[in-house]
């Protein structure tokens, strides 16, 4: 994480697999015992990530954190609020 290039999505990370219906605390990693299920989930991830245009993944945490974001209030000094005002 940080400024480095993203590793390969499937083989560049240590993937973990949990059955949250039975192990809500994610204490029991099933990846080593269920490699076929892990591969199935990896393939599903790739399909869904492509479908929703999340590629390329971005590992530049510092640059993204420092990048200015659009603001709805920048340059404004008058704000009009409508509706009921309730006093305590």
N, C-alpha and C. Protein backbone atom coordinates (compact mmCIF):
# COMPACT_ATOMS: atom_id res chain seq x y z
N UNK A 1 0.84 -1.18 0.00
CA UNK A 1 0.00 0.00 0.00
C UNK A 1 0.89 1.24 0.00
N UNK A 2 0.47 2.25 -0.67
CA UNK A 2 1.25 3.47 -0.69
C UNK A 2 1.48 3.96 -2.09
N UNK A 3 2.74 4.09 -2.47
CA UNK A 3 3.08 4.65 -3.77
C UNK A 3 3.50 3.59 -4.78
N UNK A 4 3.51 2.35 -4.40
CA UNK A 4 3.98 1.30 -5.29
C UNK A 4 2.92 0.89 -6.30
N UNK A 5 3.38 0.22 -7.34
CA UNK A 5 2.48 -0.29 -8.36
C UNK A 5 1.66 -1.44 -7.78
N UNK A 6 0.44 -1.57 -8.27
CA UNK A 6 -0.44 -2.64 -7.80
C UNK A 6 0.12 -4.00 -8.21
N UNK A 7 0.13 -4.95 -7.30
CA UNK A 7 0.52 -6.31 -7.68
C UNK A 7 -0.58 -6.96 -8.52
N UNK A 8 -0.24 -8.06 -9.13
CA UNK A 8 -1.22 -8.84 -9.89
C UNK A 8 -2.39 -9.16 -8.97
N UNK A 9 -3.60 -8.92 -9.44
CA UNK A 9 -4.78 -9.05 -8.58
C UNK A 9 -4.95 -10.46 -8.06
N UNK A 10 -4.80 -11.46 -8.89
CA UNK A 10 -5.05 -12.84 -8.45
C UNK A 10 -3.84 -13.43 -7.74
N UNK A 11 -2.66 -13.29 -8.31
CA UNK A 11 -1.49 -13.97 -7.74
C UNK A 11 -0.58 -13.07 -6.91
N UNK A 12 -0.84 -11.77 -6.88
CA UNK A 12 0.04 -10.86 -6.17
C UNK A 12 -0.34 -10.62 -4.72
N UNK A 13 -1.42 -11.20 -4.28
CA UNK A 13 -1.90 -11.02 -2.92
C UNK A 13 -2.10 -12.38 -2.25
N UNK A 14 -2.09 -12.37 -0.92
CA UNK A 14 -2.48 -13.56 -0.18
C UNK A 14 -4.00 -13.43 0.02
N UNK A 15 -4.75 -14.21 -0.76
CA UNK A 15 -6.20 -14.19 -0.66
C UNK A 15 -6.65 -14.98 0.55
N UNK A 16 -7.71 -14.55 1.17
CA UNK A 16 -8.29 -15.24 2.31
C UNK A 16 -9.73 -15.60 1.97
N UNK A 17 -10.23 -16.65 2.60
CA UNK A 17 -11.58 -17.13 2.33
C UNK A 17 -12.25 -17.48 3.65
N UNK A 18 -13.43 -16.90 3.89
CA UNK A 18 -14.14 -17.13 5.14
C UNK A 18 -15.59 -17.47 4.86
N UNK A 19 -16.17 -18.28 5.71
CA UNK A 19 -17.60 -18.55 5.68
C UNK A 19 -18.20 -17.71 6.80
N UNK A 20 -18.61 -16.50 6.46
CA UNK A 20 -19.09 -15.57 7.49
C UNK A 20 -20.43 -15.97 8.08
N UNK A 21 -21.15 -16.87 7.44
CA UNK A 21 -22.40 -17.37 8.02
C UNK A 21 -22.12 -18.21 9.26
N UNK A 22 -20.98 -18.88 9.28
CA UNK A 22 -20.61 -19.72 10.42
C UNK A 22 -19.46 -19.14 11.24
N UNK A 23 -18.70 -18.23 10.66
CA UNK A 23 -17.50 -17.68 11.30
C UNK A 23 -17.51 -16.16 11.11
N UNK A 24 -18.43 -15.48 11.79
CA UNK A 24 -18.60 -14.04 11.58
C UNK A 24 -17.37 -13.23 11.95
N UNK A 25 -16.52 -13.74 12.83
CA UNK A 25 -15.33 -13.00 13.24
C UNK A 25 -14.15 -13.22 12.30
N UNK A 26 -14.35 -14.02 11.27
CA UNK A 26 -13.32 -14.32 10.28
C UNK A 26 -12.03 -14.81 10.94
N UNK A 27 -12.17 -15.76 11.83
CA UNK A 27 -11.04 -16.33 12.54
C UNK A 27 -10.48 -17.55 11.84
N UNK A 28 -11.26 -18.17 10.96
CA UNK A 28 -10.86 -19.43 10.34
C UNK A 28 -10.72 -19.25 8.83
N UNK A 29 -9.49 -19.00 8.36
CA UNK A 29 -9.22 -18.81 6.93
C UNK A 29 -9.30 -20.17 6.22
N UNK A 30 -10.23 -20.29 5.28
CA UNK A 30 -10.47 -21.55 4.58
C UNK A 30 -9.71 -21.66 3.26
N UNK A 31 -8.93 -20.67 2.89
CA UNK A 31 -8.28 -20.64 1.58
C UNK A 31 -7.40 -21.86 1.31
N UNK A 32 -6.61 -22.27 2.28
CA UNK A 32 -5.71 -23.41 2.07
C UNK A 32 -6.47 -24.73 1.97
N UNK A 33 -7.58 -24.83 2.70
CA UNK A 33 -8.36 -26.08 2.68
C UNK A 33 -9.34 -26.17 1.52
N UNK A 34 -9.66 -25.03 0.91
CA UNK A 34 -10.64 -25.01 -0.17
C UNK A 34 -10.11 -24.23 -1.38
N UNK A 35 -9.02 -24.72 -2.00
CA UNK A 35 -8.42 -23.97 -3.11
C UNK A 35 -9.36 -23.83 -4.31
N UNK A 36 -10.22 -24.80 -4.56
CA UNK A 36 -11.15 -24.70 -5.68
C UNK A 36 -12.17 -23.59 -5.45
N UNK A 37 -12.67 -23.49 -4.23
CA UNK A 37 -13.62 -22.43 -3.90
C UNK A 37 -12.94 -21.07 -3.97
N UNK A 38 -11.70 -20.99 -3.50
CA UNK A 38 -10.95 -19.75 -3.58
C UNK A 38 -10.79 -19.31 -5.02
N UNK A 39 -10.41 -20.23 -5.91
CA UNK A 39 -10.24 -19.92 -7.33
C UNK A 39 -11.58 -19.45 -7.93
N UNK A 40 -12.66 -20.10 -7.54
CA UNK A 40 -14.00 -19.70 -8.02
C UNK A 40 -14.31 -18.27 -7.60
N UNK A 41 -14.00 -17.93 -6.36
CA UNK A 41 -14.27 -16.58 -5.86
C UNK A 41 -13.36 -15.55 -6.53
N UNK A 42 -12.11 -15.92 -6.81
CA UNK A 42 -11.21 -15.02 -7.51
C UNK A 42 -11.74 -14.73 -8.92
N UNK A 43 -12.19 -15.77 -9.60
CA UNK A 43 -12.74 -15.59 -10.94
C UNK A 43 -13.99 -14.72 -10.90
N UNK A 44 -14.84 -14.92 -9.89
CA UNK A 44 -16.03 -14.10 -9.74
C UNK A 44 -15.66 -12.65 -9.48
N UNK A 45 -14.63 -12.44 -8.67
CA UNK A 45 -14.15 -11.08 -8.42
C UNK A 45 -13.74 -10.41 -9.72
N UNK A 46 -12.96 -11.11 -10.54
CA UNK A 46 -12.49 -10.55 -11.80
C UNK A 46 -13.65 -10.21 -12.73
N UNK A 47 -14.65 -11.09 -12.80
CA UNK A 47 -15.83 -10.84 -13.64
C UNK A 47 -16.57 -9.61 -13.16
N UNK A 48 -16.84 -9.54 -11.86
CA UNK A 48 -17.60 -8.41 -11.31
C UNK A 48 -16.80 -7.11 -11.38
N UNK A 49 -15.51 -7.18 -11.13
CA UNK A 49 -14.68 -5.97 -11.20
C UNK A 49 -14.65 -5.43 -12.62
N UNK A 50 -14.58 -6.30 -13.61
CA UNK A 50 -14.62 -5.87 -15.01
C UNK A 50 -15.99 -5.29 -15.35
N UNK A 51 -17.03 -5.95 -14.88
CA UNK A 51 -18.40 -5.51 -15.15
C UNK A 51 -18.66 -4.10 -14.63
N UNK A 52 -18.12 -3.78 -13.46
CA UNK A 52 -18.36 -2.49 -12.84
C UNK A 52 -17.21 -1.50 -13.00
N UNK A 53 -16.30 -1.80 -13.93
CA UNK A 53 -15.21 -0.88 -14.32
C UNK A 53 -14.34 -0.42 -13.15
N UNK A 54 -13.90 -1.35 -12.32
CA UNK A 54 -13.02 -0.96 -11.22
C UNK A 54 -11.55 -1.11 -11.57
N UNK A 55 -11.28 -1.60 -12.76
CA UNK A 55 -9.88 -1.70 -13.20
C UNK A 55 -9.50 -0.45 -13.97
N UNK A 56 -8.29 0.02 -13.87
CA UNK A 56 -7.22 -0.56 -13.06
C UNK A 56 -7.38 -0.18 -11.59
N UNK A 57 -6.99 -1.11 -10.73
CA UNK A 57 -7.00 -0.82 -9.29
C UNK A 57 -5.91 0.20 -9.00
N UNK A 58 -6.08 0.97 -7.97
CA UNK A 58 -5.17 2.06 -7.66
C UNK A 58 -4.57 1.85 -6.27
N UNK A 59 -3.25 1.79 -6.21
CA UNK A 59 -2.55 1.55 -4.96
C UNK A 59 -1.89 2.82 -4.42
N UNK A 60 -2.22 3.98 -4.98
CA UNK A 60 -1.56 5.22 -4.60
C UNK A 60 -2.33 5.92 -3.49
N UNK A 61 -2.23 5.42 -2.30
CA UNK A 61 -2.97 5.94 -1.16
C UNK A 61 -2.58 7.38 -0.85
N UNK A 62 -1.31 7.67 -0.80
CA UNK A 62 -0.86 9.01 -0.41
C UNK A 62 -1.30 10.05 -1.43
N UNK A 63 -1.08 9.78 -2.73
CA UNK A 63 -1.49 10.74 -3.75
C UNK A 63 -2.99 10.97 -3.74
N UNK A 64 -3.77 9.90 -3.58
CA UNK A 64 -5.23 10.05 -3.56
C UNK A 64 -5.68 10.83 -2.34
N UNK A 65 -5.02 10.64 -1.20
CA UNK A 65 -5.40 11.35 0.01
C UNK A 65 -5.11 12.84 -0.10
N UNK A 66 -4.07 13.20 -0.84
CA UNK A 66 -3.66 14.60 -0.97
C UNK A 66 -4.33 15.32 -2.13
N UNK A 67 -4.99 14.60 -3.02
CA UNK A 67 -5.64 15.21 -4.18
C UNK A 67 -6.86 16.01 -3.74
N UNK A 68 -6.94 17.29 -4.18
CA UNK A 68 -8.12 18.09 -3.81
C UNK A 68 -9.40 17.48 -4.35
N UNK A 69 -10.45 17.56 -3.57
CA UNK A 69 -11.75 17.03 -3.95
C UNK A 69 -12.69 18.18 -4.30
N UNK A 70 -13.66 17.94 -5.16
CA UNK A 70 -14.65 18.99 -5.45
C UNK A 70 -15.40 19.38 -4.19
N UNK A 71 -15.80 20.63 -4.11
CA UNK A 71 -16.51 21.11 -2.94
C UNK A 71 -17.78 21.84 -3.35
N UNK A 72 -18.87 21.54 -2.70
CA UNK A 72 -20.13 22.22 -2.96
C UNK A 72 -20.17 23.60 -2.32
N UNK A 73 -19.24 23.88 -1.41
CA UNK A 73 -19.26 25.15 -0.69
C UNK A 73 -18.10 26.07 -1.06
N UNK A 74 -17.16 25.62 -1.86
CA UNK A 74 -15.99 26.43 -2.20
C UNK A 74 -16.42 27.71 -2.92
N UNK A 75 -15.94 28.84 -2.45
CA UNK A 75 -16.23 30.12 -3.08
C UNK A 75 -17.57 30.72 -2.70
N UNK A 76 -18.33 30.05 -1.88
CA UNK A 76 -19.64 30.56 -1.46
C UNK A 76 -19.55 31.14 -0.06
N UNK A 77 -20.30 32.21 0.17
CA UNK A 77 -20.34 32.75 1.52
C UNK A 77 -21.78 33.01 1.98
N UNK A 78 -22.75 32.70 1.13
CA UNK A 78 -24.15 32.84 1.50
C UNK A 78 -24.83 31.48 1.29
N UNK A 79 -25.53 31.03 2.32
CA UNK A 79 -26.23 29.76 2.25
C UNK A 79 -27.66 29.98 2.69
N UNK A 80 -28.61 29.48 1.93
CA UNK A 80 -30.02 29.62 2.27
C UNK A 80 -30.58 28.25 2.61
N UNK A 81 -31.12 28.14 3.81
CA UNK A 81 -31.70 26.89 4.27
C UNK A 81 -33.22 27.06 4.33
N UNK A 82 -33.94 26.15 3.76
CA UNK A 82 -35.40 26.24 3.81
C UNK A 82 -35.93 25.08 4.62
N UNK A 83 -37.12 25.25 5.11
CA UNK A 83 -37.72 24.22 5.92
C UNK A 83 -38.00 24.72 7.32
N UNK A 84 -38.39 23.83 8.16
CA UNK A 84 -38.76 24.19 9.53
C UNK A 84 -37.51 24.28 10.39
N UNK A 85 -37.41 25.37 11.13
CA UNK A 85 -36.32 25.52 12.09
C UNK A 85 -36.88 25.18 13.47
N UNK A 86 -36.26 24.29 14.14
CA UNK A 86 -36.72 23.84 15.45
C UNK A 86 -35.74 24.33 16.51
N UNK A 87 -36.30 25.00 17.52
CA UNK A 87 -35.46 25.44 18.64
C UNK A 87 -35.56 24.43 19.76
N UNK A 88 -34.45 24.23 20.48
CA UNK A 88 -34.51 23.28 21.60
C UNK A 88 -35.33 23.77 22.76
